[in-house]
Amino acid sequence: MFNVGGPEIMVVLLVALVVLGPEQLPKAMRTFGNVMAQVRKLSNGFQAEMRSAMNSIDVTSPGGSATPGGSGSSSTASSPASTPSPVSPPAPATGPNPAPSSASSADRAAG
């Protein structure tokens, strides 16, 4: 998995012994072993779940179209699409439109 050989493991253990000391090393190794066992268990559970999901998919053609659950048709695929309801146009704006201020100042300058 990590391609670690015997000499590399010995170096890691020697460094751990120097850093942790002889009193803490067994406890640290035990904790490391427990963590690795939990990681392995979670990994195996995840792989089993993925295999189960892949086995439950019924592949209908080699082109890649698949239907989950193994059923070939569903109730939504056989029913026609509903027509959308028409949307009413927006209400027109009420009230007078104010004159642009730039036009009135241009009229004053010209006149």
PDB file of N, CA and C in Angstrom:
ATOM      1  N   MET A   1       0.827  -1.184   0.000  1.00  0.00           N
ATOM      2  CA  MET A   1       0.000   0.000   0.000  1.00  0.00           C
ATOM      3  C   MET A   1       0.876   1.255   0.000  1.00  0.00           C
ATOM      4  N   PHE A   2       1.756   1.404   0.996  1.00  0.00           N
ATOM      5  CA  PHE A   2       2.627   2.567   1.043  1.00  0.00           C
ATOM      6  C   PHE A   2       4.029   2.233   0.557  1.00  0.00           C
ATOM      7  N   ASN A   3       4.270   0.962   0.231  1.00  0.00           N
ATOM      8  CA  ASN A   3       5.571   0.497  -0.233  1.00  0.00           C
ATOM      9  C   ASN A   3       6.662   0.832   0.790  1.00  0.00           C
ATOM     10  N   VAL A   4       6.389   0.470   2.046  1.00  0.00           N
ATOM     11  CA  VAL A   4       7.334   0.701   3.134  1.00  0.00           C
ATOM     12  C   VAL A   4       7.944  -0.644   3.509  1.00  0.00           C
ATOM     13  N   GLY A   5       9.262  -0.695   3.503  1.00  0.00           N
ATOM     14  CA  GLY A   5       9.954  -1.930   3.824  1.00  0.00           C
ATOM     15  C   GLY A   5      10.396  -1.984   5.277  1.00  0.00           C
ATOM     16  N   GLY A   6      11.151  -3.024   5.606  1.00  0.00           N
ATOM     17  CA  GLY A   6      11.631  -3.235   6.968  1.00  0.00           C
ATOM     18  C   GLY A   6      12.522  -2.125   7.496  1.00  0.00           C
ATOM     19  N   PRO A   7      13.518  -1.675   6.718  1.00  0.00           N
ATOM     20  CA  PRO A   7      14.393  -0.615   7.235  1.00  0.00           C
ATOM     21  C   PRO A   7      13.639   0.694   7.527  1.00  0.00           C
ATOM     22  N   GLU A   8      12.674   1.027   6.692  1.00  0.00           N
ATOM     23  CA  GLU A   8      11.908   2.254   6.928  1.00  0.00           C
ATOM     24  C   GLU A   8      11.085   2.152   8.203  1.00  0.00           C
ATOM     25  N   ILE A   9      10.506   0.983   8.454  1.00  0.00           N
ATOM     26  CA  ILE A   9       9.713   0.787   9.673  1.00  0.00           C
ATOM     27  C   ILE A   9      10.610   0.888  10.901  1.00  0.00           C
ATOM     28  N   MET A  10      11.818   0.324  10.820  1.00  0.00           N
ATOM     29  CA  MET A  10      12.747   0.399  11.950  1.00  0.00           C
ATOM     30  C   MET A  10      13.133   1.850  12.250  1.00  0.00           C
ATOM     31  N   VAL A  11      13.348   2.648  11.215  1.00  0.00           N
ATOM     32  CA  VAL A  11      13.701   4.056  11.419  1.00  0.00           C
ATOM     33  C   VAL A  11      12.541   4.800  12.072  1.00  0.00           C
ATOM     34  N   VAL A  12      11.327   4.546  11.616  1.00  0.00           N
ATOM     35  CA  VAL A  12      10.153   5.210  12.192  1.00  0.00           C
ATOM     36  C   VAL A  12       9.986   4.809  13.652  1.00  0.00           C
ATOM     37  N   LEU A  13      10.151   3.520  13.964  1.00  0.00           N
ATOM     38  CA  LEU A  13      10.027   3.068  15.352  1.00  0.00           C
ATOM     39  C   LEU A  13      11.122   3.660  16.238  1.00  0.00           C
ATOM     40  N   LEU A  14      12.335   3.767  15.719  1.00  0.00           N
ATOM     41  CA  LEU A  14      13.429   4.355  16.482  1.00  0.00           C
ATOM     42  C   LEU A  14      13.159   5.835  16.773  1.00  0.00           C
ATOM     43  N   VAL A  15      12.677   6.565  15.774  1.00  0.00           N
ATOM     44  CA  VAL A  15      12.338   7.978  15.978  1.00  0.00           C
ATOM     45  C   VAL A  15      11.198   8.099  16.984  1.00  0.00           C
ATOM     46  N   ALA A  16      10.191   7.225  16.887  1.00  0.00           N
ATOM     47  CA  ALA A  16       9.081   7.258  17.837  1.00  0.00           C
ATOM     48  C   ALA A  16       9.569   6.961  19.248  1.00  0.00           C
ATOM     49  N   LEU A  17      10.498   6.032  19.396  1.00  0.00           N
ATOM     50  CA  LEU A  17      11.045   5.711  20.714  1.00  0.00           C
ATOM     51  C   LEU A  17      11.792   6.903  21.307  1.00  0.00           C
ATOM     52  N   VAL A  18      12.545   7.599  20.472  1.00  0.00           N
ATOM     53  CA  VAL A  18      13.296   8.758  20.951  1.00  0.00           C
ATOM     54  C   VAL A  18      12.345   9.898  21.313  1.00  0.00           C
ATOM     55  N   VAL A  19      11.327  10.126  20.491  1.00  0.00           N
ATOM     56  CA  VAL A  19      10.415  11.250  20.724  1.00  0.00           C
ATOM     57  C   VAL A  19       9.477  10.969  21.888  1.00  0.00           C
ATOM     58  N   LEU A  20       8.860   9.787  21.912  1.00  0.00           N
ATOM     59  CA  LEU A  20       7.849   9.487  22.927  1.00  0.00           C
ATOM     60  C   LEU A  20       8.438   8.926  24.217  1.00  0.00           C
ATOM     61  N   GLY A  21       9.516   8.225  24.107  1.00  0.00           N
ATOM     62  CA  GLY A  21      10.098   7.600  25.294  1.00  0.00           C
ATOM     63  C   GLY A  21       9.545   6.197  25.476  1.00  0.00           C
ATOM     64  N   PRO A  22      10.224   5.387  26.298  1.00  0.00           N
ATOM     65  CA  PRO A  22       9.801   3.992  26.470  1.00  0.00           C
ATOM     66  C   PRO A  22       8.485   3.850  27.235  1.00  0.00           C
ATOM     67  N   GLU A  23       8.075   4.860  27.995  1.00  0.00           N
ATOM     68  CA  GLU A  23       6.823   4.743  28.751  1.00  0.00           C
ATOM     69  C   GLU A  23       5.605   4.997  27.860  1.00  0.00           C
ATOM     70  N   GLN A  24       5.709   5.954  26.954  1.00  0.00           N
ATOM     71  CA  GLN A  24       4.563   6.346  26.133  1.00  0.00           C
ATOM     72  C   GLN A  24       4.465   5.573  24.818  1.00  0.00           C
ATOM     73  N   LEU A  25       5.529   4.931  24.382  1.00  0.00           N
ATOM     74  CA  LEU A  25       5.519   4.248  23.090  1.00  0.00           C
ATOM     75  C   LEU A  25       4.495   3.121  23.018  1.00  0.00           C
ATOM     76  N   PRO A  26       4.376   2.220  24.013  1.00  0.00           N
ATOM     77  CA  PRO A  26       3.364   1.162  23.904  1.00  0.00           C
ATOM     78  C   PRO A  26       1.935   1.715  23.830  1.00  0.00           C
ATOM     79  N   LYS A  27       1.664   2.763  24.612  1.00  0.00           N
ATOM     80  CA  LYS A  27       0.327   3.363  24.576  1.00  0.00           C
ATOM     81  C   LYS A  27       0.060   3.988  23.200  1.00  0.00           C
ATOM     82  N   ALA A  28       1.057   4.668  22.641  1.00  0.00           N
ATOM     83  CA  ALA A  28       0.897   5.292  21.330  1.00  0.00           C
ATOM     84  C   ALA A  28       0.700   4.237  20.242  1.00  0.00           C
ATOM     85  N   MET A  29       1.441   3.135  20.323  1.00  0.00           N
ATOM     86  CA  MET A  29       1.292   2.067  19.326  1.00  0.00           C
ATOM     87  C   MET A  29      -0.084   1.421  19.428  1.00  0.00           C
ATOM     88  N   ARG A  30      -0.576   1.234  20.654  1.00  0.00           N
ATOM     89  CA  ARG A  30      -1.906   0.665  20.854  1.00  0.00           C
ATOM     90  C   ARG A  30      -2.977   1.589  20.257  1.00  0.00           C
ATOM     91  N   THR A  31      -2.847   2.880  20.528  1.00  0.00           N
ATOM     92  CA  THR A  31      -3.801   3.853  19.987  1.00  0.00           C
ATOM     93  C   THR A  31      -3.740   3.872  18.465  1.00  0.00           C
ATOM     94  N   PHE A  32      -2.538   3.840  17.912  1.00  0.00           N
ATOM     95  CA  PHE A  32      -2.377   3.815  16.459  1.00  0.00           C
ATOM     96  C   PHE A  32      -3.011   2.566  15.861  1.00  0.00           C
ATOM     97  N   GLY A  33      -2.829   1.422  16.508  1.00  0.00           N
ATOM     98  CA  GLY A  33      -3.440   0.181  16.031  1.00  0.00           C
ATOM     99  C   GLY A  33      -4.956   0.241  16.063  1.00  0.00           C
ATOM    100  N   ASN A  34      -5.520   0.820  17.136  1.00  0.00           N
ATOM    101  CA  ASN A  34      -6.981   0.946  17.216  1.00  0.00           C
ATOM    102  C   ASN A  34      -7.526   1.872  16.134  1.00  0.00           C
ATOM    103  N   VAL A  35      -6.826   2.974  15.901  1.00  0.00           N
ATOM    104  CA  VAL A  35      -7.270   3.912  14.865  1.00  0.00           C
ATOM    105  C   VAL A  35      -7.202   3.252  13.493  1.00  0.00           C
ATOM    106  N   MET A  36      -6.131   2.524  13.231  1.00  0.00           N
ATOM    107  CA  MET A  36      -6.006   1.855  11.934  1.00  0.00           C
ATOM    108  C   MET A  36      -7.080   0.790  11.753  1.00  0.00           C
ATOM    109  N   ALA A  37      -7.443   0.086  12.823  1.00  0.00           N
ATOM    110  CA  ALA A  37      -8.513  -0.912  12.735  1.00  0.00           C
ATOM    111  C   ALA A  37      -9.846  -0.246  12.417  1.00  0.00           C
ATOM    112  N   GLN A  38     -10.110   0.904  13.032  1.00  0.00           N
ATOM    113  CA  GLN A  38     -11.357   1.618  12.742  1.00  0.00           C
ATOM    114  C   GLN A  38     -11.377   2.132  11.307  1.00  0.00           C
ATOM    115  N   VAL A  39     -10.249   2.643  10.835  1.00  0.00           N
ATOM    116  CA  VAL A  39     -10.172   3.122   9.454  1.00  0.00           C
ATOM    117  C   VAL A  39     -10.393   1.969   8.488  1.00  0.00           C
ATOM    118  N   ARG A  40      -9.791   0.816   8.772  1.00  0.00           N
ATOM    119  CA  ARG A  40      -9.961  -0.349   7.911  1.00  0.00           C
ATOM    120  C   ARG A  40     -11.419  -0.804   7.892  1.00  0.00           C
ATOM    121  N   LYS A  41     -12.077  -0.783   9.081  1.00  0.00           N
ATOM    122  CA  LYS A  41     -13.472  -1.197   9.156  1.00  0.00           C
ATOM    123  C   LYS A  41     -14.367  -0.241   8.361  1.00  0.00           C
ATOM    124  N   LEU A  42     -14.124   1.061   8.500  1.00  0.00           N
ATOM    125  CA  LEU A  42     -14.901   2.042   7.745  1.00  0.00           C
ATOM    126  C   LEU A  42     -14.672   1.897   6.244  1.00  0.00           C
ATOM    127  N   SER A  43     -13.430   1.656   5.860  1.00  0.00           N
ATOM    128  CA  SER A  43     -13.109   1.484   4.448  1.00  0.00           C
ATOM    129  C   SER A  43     -13.796   0.253   3.872  1.00  0.00           C
ATOM    130  N   ASN A  44     -13.762  -0.852   4.616  1.00  0.00           N
ATOM    131  CA  ASN A  44     -14.428  -2.066   4.146  1.00  0.00           C
ATOM    132  C   ASN A  44     -15.934  -1.868   4.051  1.00  0.00           C
ATOM    133  N   GLY A  45     -16.523  -1.156   5.015  1.00  0.00           N
ATOM    134  CA  GLY A  45     -17.957  -0.876   4.970  1.00  0.00           C
ATOM    135  C   GLY A  45     -18.322  -0.016   3.777  1.00  0.00           C
ATOM    136  N   PHE A  46     -17.491   0.980   3.484  1.00  0.00           N
ATOM    137  CA  PHE A  46     -17.735   1.846   2.333  1.00  0.00           C
ATOM    138  C   PHE A  46     -17.626   1.059   1.034  1.00  0.00           C
ATOM    139  N   GLN A  47     -16.614   0.213   0.929  1.00  0.00           N
ATOM    140  CA  GLN A  47     -16.452  -0.586  -0.281  1.00  0.00           C
ATOM    141  C   GLN A  47     -17.615  -1.548  -0.463  1.00  0.00           C
ATOM    142  N   ALA A  48     -18.081  -2.157   0.625  1.00  0.00           N
ATOM    143  CA  ALA A  48     -19.222  -3.072   0.532  1.00  0.00           C
ATOM    144  C   ALA A  48     -20.475  -2.325   0.106  1.00  0.00           C
ATOM    145  N   GLU A  49     -20.664  -1.124   0.613  1.00  0.00           N
ATOM    146  CA  GLU A  49     -21.820  -0.304   0.246  1.00  0.00           C
ATOM    147  C   GLU A  49     -21.761   0.065  -1.234  1.00  0.00           C
ATOM    148  N   MET A  50     -20.581   0.418  -1.727  1.00  0.00           N
ATOM    149  CA  MET A  50     -20.431   0.761  -3.144  1.00  0.00           C
ATOM    150  C   MET A  50     -20.670  -0.460  -4.028  1.00  0.00           C
ATOM    151  N   ARG A  51     -20.162  -1.612  -3.627  1.00  0.00           N
ATOM    152  CA  ARG A  51     -20.409  -2.832  -4.404  1.00  0.00           C
ATOM    153  C   ARG A  51     -21.891  -3.162  -4.442  1.00  0.00           C
ATOM    154  N   SER A  52     -22.558  -3.002  -3.303  1.00  0.00           N
ATOM    155  CA  SER A  52     -23.990  -3.272  -3.239  1.00  0.00           C
ATOM    156  C   SER A  52     -24.758  -2.328  -4.153  1.00  0.00           C
ATOM    157  N   ALA A  53     -24.378  -1.053  -4.160  1.00  0.00           N
ATOM    158  CA  ALA A  53     -25.051  -0.083  -5.021  1.00  0.00           C
ATOM    159  C   ALA A  53     -24.794  -0.394  -6.489  1.00  0.00           C
ATOM    160  N   MET A  54     -23.581  -0.782  -6.818  1.00  0.00           N
ATOM    161  CA  MET A  54     -23.265  -1.104  -8.213  1.00  0.00           C
ATOM    162  C   MET A  54     -23.980  -2.366  -8.664  1.00  0.00           C
ATOM    163  N   ASN A  55     -24.128  -3.337  -7.777  1.00  0.00           N
ATOM    164  CA  ASN A  55     -24.822  -4.568  -8.139  1.00  0.00           C
ATOM    165  C   ASN A  55     -26.320  -4.356  -8.281  1.00  0.00           C
ATOM    166  N   SER A  56     -26.876  -3.358  -7.586  1.00  0.00           N
ATOM    167  CA  SER A  56     -28.313  -3.127  -7.673  1.00  0.00           C
ATOM    168  C   SER A  56     -28.704  -2.348  -8.918  1.00  0.00           C
ATOM    169  N   ILE A  57     -27.731  -1.760  -9.605  1.00  0.00           N
ATOM    170  CA  ILE A  57     -28.030  -1.019 -10.830  1.00  0.00           C
ATOM    171  C   ILE A  57     -28.155  -2.010 -11.974  1.00  0.00           C
ATOM    172  N   ASP A  58     -29.257  -1.909 -12.705  1.00  0.00           N
ATOM    173  CA  ASP A  58     -29.490  -2.778 -13.848  1.00  0.00           C
ATOM    174  C   ASP A  58     -29.074  -2.022 -15.095  1.00  0.00           C
ATOM    175  N   VAL A  59     -27.983  -2.431 -15.716  1.00  0.00           N
ATOM    176  CA  VAL A  59     -27.507  -1.766 -16.918  1.00  0.00           C
ATOM    177  C   VAL A  59     -28.315  -2.291 -18.090  1.00  0.00           C
ATOM    178  N   THR A  60     -28.984  -1.364 -18.800  1.00  0.00           N
ATOM    179  CA  THR A  60     -29.861  -1.783 -19.886  1.00  0.00           C
ATOM    180  C   THR A  60     -29.162  -1.798 -21.227  1.00  0.00           C
ATOM    181  N   SER A  61     -28.134  -0.976 -21.421  1.00  0.00           N
ATOM    182  CA  SER A  61     -27.424  -0.983 -22.692  1.00  0.00           C
ATOM    183  C   SER A  61     -25.960  -0.689 -22.447  1.00  0.00           C
ATOM    184  N   PRO A  62     -25.079  -1.107 -23.351  1.00  0.00           N
ATOM    185  CA  PRO A  62     -23.665  -0.840 -23.158  1.00  0.00           C
ATOM    186  C   PRO A  62     -23.320   0.639 -23.316  1.00  0.00           C
ATOM    187  N   GLY A  63     -24.234   1.451 -23.810  1.00  0.00           N
ATOM    188  CA  GLY A  63     -23.986   2.874 -23.992  1.00  0.00           C
ATOM    189  C   GLY A  63     -23.918   3.636 -22.695  1.00  0.00           C
ATOM    190  N   GLY A  64     -24.289   3.026 -21.590  1.00  0.00           N
ATOM    191  CA  GLY A  64     -24.160   3.687 -20.311  1.00  0.00           C
ATOM    192  C   GLY A  64     -25.472   4.106 -19.693  1.00  0.00           C
ATOM    193  N   SER A  65     -26.601   3.916 -20.388  1.00  0.00           N
ATOM    194  CA  SER A  65     -27.855   4.290 -19.742  1.00  0.00           C
ATOM    195  C   SER A  65     -28.233   3.190 -18.783  1.00  0.00           C
ATOM    196  N   ALA A  66     -28.495   3.563 -17.569  1.00  0.00           N
ATOM    197  CA  ALA A  66     -28.821   2.596 -16.532  1.00  0.00           C
ATOM    198  C   ALA A  66     -30.006   3.107 -15.737  1.00  0.00           C
ATOM    199  N   THR A  67     -30.749   2.176 -15.174  1.00  0.00           N
ATOM    200  CA  THR A  67     -31.871   2.552 -14.322  1.00  0.00           C
ATOM    201  C   THR A  67     -31.610   2.011 -12.941  1.00  0.00           C
ATOM    202  N   PRO A  68     -31.582   2.863 -11.916  1.00  0.00           N
ATOM    203  CA  PRO A  68     -31.358   2.361 -10.566  1.00  0.00           C
ATOM    204  C   PRO A  68     -32.548   1.570 -10.073  1.00  0.00           C
ATOM    205  N   GLY A  69     -32.289   0.590  -9.261  1.00  0.00           N
ATOM    206  CA  GLY A  69     -33.359  -0.205  -8.688  1.00  0.00           C
ATOM    207  C   GLY A  69     -33.794  -1.352  -9.558  1.00  0.00           C
ATOM    208  N   GLY A  70     -33.358  -1.414 -10.791  1.00  0.00           N
ATOM    209  CA  GLY A  70     -33.687  -2.535 -11.645  1.00  0.00           C
ATOM    210  C   GLY A  70     -35.013  -2.420 -12.362  1.00  0.00           C
ATOM    211  N   SER A  71     -35.817  -1.397 -12.138  1.00  0.00           N
ATOM    212  CA  SER A  71     -37.087  -1.283 -12.835  1.00  0.00           C
ATOM    213  C   SER A  71     -36.863  -0.575 -14.155  1.00  0.00           C
ATOM    214  N   GLY A  72     -37.495  -1.058 -15.192  1.00  0.00           N
ATOM    215  CA  GLY A  72     -37.304  -0.510 -16.521  1.00  0.00           C
ATOM    216  C   GLY A  72     -38.107   0.739 -16.785  1.00  0.00           C
ATOM    217  N   SER A  73     -39.247   0.915 -16.130  1.00  0.00           N
ATOM    218  CA  SER A  73     -40.058   2.094 -16.382  1.00  0.00           C
ATOM    219  C   SER A  73     -40.562   2.651 -15.071  1.00  0.00           C
ATOM    220  N   SER A  74     -40.898   3.912 -15.093  1.00  0.00           N
ATOM    221  CA  SER A  74     -41.450   4.534 -13.903  1.00  0.00           C
ATOM    222  C   SER A  74     -42.737   5.242 -14.266  1.00  0.00           C
ATOM    223  N   SER A  75     -43.511   5.603 -13.265  1.00  0.00           N
ATOM    224  CA  SER A  75     -44.801   6.222 -13.525  1.00  0.00           C
ATOM    225  C   SER A  75     -44.643   7.609 -14.121  1.00  0.00           C
ATOM    226  N   THR A  76     -43.566   8.314 -13.801  1.00  0.00           N
ATOM    227  CA  THR A  76     -43.390   9.656 -14.347  1.00  0.00           C
ATOM    228  C   THR A  76     -42.957   9.613 -15.797  1.00  0.00           C
ATOM    229  N   ALA A  77     -42.280   8.560 -16.225  1.00  0.00           N
ATOM    230  CA  ALA A  77     -41.826   8.480 -17.601  1.00  0.00           C
ATOM    231  C   ALA A  77     -42.976   8.185 -18.546  1.00  0.00           C
ATOM    232  N   SER A  78     -44.018   7.477 -18.113  1.00  0.00           N
ATOM    233  CA  SER A  78     -45.100   7.115 -19.009  1.00  0.00           C
ATOM    234  C   SER A  78     -46.199   8.163 -19.053  1.00  0.00           C
ATOM    235  N   SER A  79     -46.270   9.082 -18.086  1.00  0.00           N
ATOM    236  CA  SER A  79     -47.320  10.094 -18.096  1.00  0.00           C
ATOM    237  C   SER A  79     -46.896  11.267 -18.962  1.00  0.00           C
ATOM    238  N   PRO A  80     -47.848  11.887 -19.691  1.00  0.00           N
ATOM    239  CA  PRO A  80     -47.490  13.026 -20.539  1.00  0.00           C
ATOM    240  C   PRO A  80     -47.150  14.241 -19.687  1.00  0.00           C
ATOM    241  N   ALA A  81     -46.358  15.108 -20.262  1.00  0.00           N
ATOM    242  CA  ALA A  81     -45.963  16.309 -19.537  1.00  0.00           C
ATOM    243  C   ALA A  81     -47.145  17.255 -19.435  1.00  0.00           C
ATOM    244  N   SER A  82     -47.305  17.896 -18.298  1.00  0.00           N
ATOM    245  CA  SER A  82     -48.409  18.831 -18.124  1.00  0.00           C
ATOM    246  C   SER A  82     -48.074  20.146 -18.807  1.00  0.00           C
ATOM    247  N   THR A  83     -49.117  20.821 -19.335  1.00  0.00           N
ATOM    248  CA  THR A  83     -48.905  22.095 -20.001  1.00  0.00           C
ATOM    249  C   THR A  83     -48.825  23.189 -18.951  1.00  0.00           C
ATOM    250  N   PRO A  84     -47.922  24.119 -19.112  1.00  0.00           N
ATOM    251  CA  PRO A  84     -47.794  25.180 -18.117  1.00  0.00           C
ATOM    252  C   PRO A  84     -48.967  26.147 -18.202  1.00  0.00           C
ATOM    253  N   SER A  85     -49.347  26.713 -17.075  1.00  0.00           N
ATOM    254  CA  SER A  85     -50.444  27.679 -17.062  1.00  0.00           C
ATOM    255  C   SER A  85     -49.927  29.016 -17.579  1.00  0.00           C
ATOM    256  N   PRO A  86     -50.781  29.764 -18.325  1.00  0.00           N
ATOM    257  CA  PRO A  86     -50.327  31.048 -18.871  1.00  0.00           C
ATOM    258  C   PRO A  86     -50.103  32.064 -17.758  1.00  0.00           C
ATOM    259  N   VAL A  87     -49.156  32.926 -17.984  1.00  0.00           N
ATOM    260  CA  VAL A  87     -48.809  33.952 -17.011  1.00  0.00           C
ATOM    261  C   VAL A  87     -49.419  35.264 -17.480  1.00  0.00           C
ATOM    262  N   SER A  88     -50.089  35.984 -16.573  1.00  0.00           N
ATOM    263  CA  SER A  88     -50.698  37.262 -16.942  1.00  0.00           C
ATOM    264  C   SER A  88     -49.610  38.311 -17.120  1.00  0.00           C
ATOM    265  N   PRO A  89     -49.818  39.259 -18.068  1.00  0.00           N
ATOM    266  CA  PRO A  89     -48.807  40.296 -18.287  1.00  0.00           C
ATOM    267  C   PRO A  89     -48.761  41.240 -17.097  1.00  0.00           C
ATOM    268  N   PRO A  90     -47.655  41.921 -16.905  1.00  0.00           N
ATOM    269  CA  PRO A  90     -47.551  42.834 -15.769  1.00  0.00           C
ATOM    270  C   PRO A  90     -48.493  44.023 -15.935  1.00  0.00           C
ATOM    271  N   ALA A  91     -48.941  44.564 -14.827  1.00  0.00           N
ATOM    272  CA  ALA A  91     -49.855  45.707 -14.849  1.00  0.00           C
ATOM    273  C   ALA A  91     -49.113  46.944 -15.331  1.00  0.00           C
ATOM    274  N   PRO A  92     -49.797  47.800 -16.129  1.00  0.00           N
ATOM    275  CA  PRO A  92     -49.124  49.017 -16.610  1.00  0.00           C
ATOM    276  C   PRO A  92     -48.879  49.984 -15.457  1.00  0.00           C
ATOM    277  N   ALA A  93     -47.835  50.763 -15.596  1.00  0.00           N
ATOM    278  CA  ALA A  93     -47.498  51.746 -14.572  1.00  0.00           C
ATOM    279  C   ALA A  93     -48.498  52.888 -14.617  1.00  0.00           C
ATOM    280  N   THR A  94     -48.915  53.371 -13.477  1.00  0.00           N
ATOM    281  CA  THR A  94     -49.875  54.474 -13.410  1.00  0.00           C
ATOM    282  C   THR A  94     -49.186  55.733 -12.940  1.00  0.00           C
ATOM    283  N   GLY A  95     -49.755  56.863 -13.279  1.00  0.00           N
ATOM    284  CA  GLY A  95     -49.216  58.140 -12.851  1.00  0.00           C
ATOM    285  C   GLY A  95     -48.459  58.814 -13.974  1.00  0.00           C
ATOM    286  N   PRO A  96     -48.266  60.125 -13.867  1.00  0.00           N
ATOM    287  CA  PRO A  96     -47.561  60.860 -14.927  1.00  0.00           C
ATOM    288  C   PRO A  96     -46.071  60.565 -14.892  1.00  0.00           C
ATOM    289  N   ASN A  97     -45.490  60.592 -16.082  1.00  0.00           N
ATOM    290  CA  ASN A  97     -44.048  60.423 -16.195  1.00  0.00           C
ATOM    291  C   ASN A  97     -43.387  61.777 -16.005  1.00  0.00           C
ATOM    292  N   PRO A  98     -42.427  61.907 -15.109  1.00  0.00           N
ATOM    293  CA  PRO A  98     -41.770  63.206 -14.926  1.00  0.00           C
ATOM    294  C   PRO A  98     -40.877  63.516 -16.115  1.00  0.00           C
ATOM    295  N   ALA A  99     -40.790  64.789 -16.468  1.00  0.00           N
ATOM    296  CA  ALA A  99     -39.948  65.218 -17.580  1.00  0.00           C
ATOM    297  C   ALA A  99     -38.498  65.140 -17.149  1.00  0.00           C
ATOM    298  N   PRO A 100     -37.624  64.723 -18.045  1.00  0.00           N
ATOM    299  CA  PRO A 100     -36.209  64.660 -17.686  1.00  0.00           C
ATOM    300  C   PRO A 100     -35.678  66.053 -17.386  1.00  0.00           C
ATOM    301  N   SER A 101     -34.877  66.162 -16.352  1.00  0.00           N
ATOM    302  CA  SER A 101     -34.352  67.464 -15.941  1.00  0.00           C
ATOM    303  C   SER A 101     -33.335  67.998 -16.939  1.00  0.00           C
ATOM    304  N   SER A 102     -32.635  67.134 -17.644  1.00  0.00           N
ATOM    305  CA  SER A 102     -31.642  67.599 -18.611  1.00  0.00           C
ATOM    306  C   SER A 102     -32.314  68.269 -19.802  1.00  0.00           C
ATOM    307  N   ALA A 103     -33.506  67.811 -20.203  1.00  0.00           N
ATOM    308  CA  ALA A 103     -34.207  68.423 -21.329  1.00  0.00           C
ATOM    309  C   ALA A 103     -34.701  69.809 -20.959  1.00  0.00           C
ATOM    310  N   SER A 104     -35.182  70.007 -19.752  1.00  0.00           N
ATOM    311  CA  SER A 104     -35.686  71.321 -19.365  1.00  0.00           C
ATOM    312  C   SER A 104     -34.545  72.327 -19.235  1.00  0.00           C
ATOM    313  N   SER A 105     -33.385  71.916 -18.786  1.00  0.00           N
ATOM    314  CA  SER A 105     -32.259  72.845 -18.692  1.00  0.00           C
ATOM    315  C   SER A 105     -31.721  73.179 -20.072  1.00  0.00           C
ATOM    316  N   ALA A 106     -31.796  72.228 -21.024  1.00  0.00           N
ATOM    317  CA  ALA A 106     -31.364  72.503 -22.392  1.00  0.00           C
ATOM    318  C   ALA A 106     -32.316  73.486 -23.056  1.00  0.00           C
ATOM    319  N   ASP A 107     -33.642  73.384 -22.750  1.00  0.00           N
ATOM    320  CA  ASP A 107     -34.612  74.319 -23.306  1.00  0.00           C
ATOM    321  C   ASP A 107     -34.359  75.722 -22.772  1.00  0.00           C
ATOM    322  N   ARG A 108     -33.997  75.849 -21.511  1.00  0.00           N
ATOM    323  CA  ARG A 108     -33.737  77.159 -20.922  1.00  0.00           C
ATOM    324  C   ARG A 108     -32.491  77.793 -21.540  1.00  0.00           C
ATOM    325  N   ALA A 109     -31.467  76.985 -21.828  1.00  0.00           N
ATOM    326  CA  ALA A 109     -30.238  77.521 -22.401  1.00  0.00           C
ATOM    327  C   ALA A 109     -30.469  77.981 -23.837  1.00  0.00           C
ATOM    328  N   ALA A 110     -31.353  77.272 -24.575  1.00  0.00           N
ATOM    329  CA  ALA A 110     -31.621  77.629 -25.958  1.00  0.00           C
ATOM    330  C   ALA A 110     -32.540  78.847 -26.032  1.00  0.00           C
ATOM    331  N   GLY A 111     -33.394  79.072 -25.043  1.00  0.00           N
ATOM    332  CA  GLY A 111     -34.411  80.103 -25.174  1.00  0.00           C
ATOM    333  C   GLY A 111     -34.209  81.287 -24.401  1.00  0.00           C
TER     334      GLY A 111
END
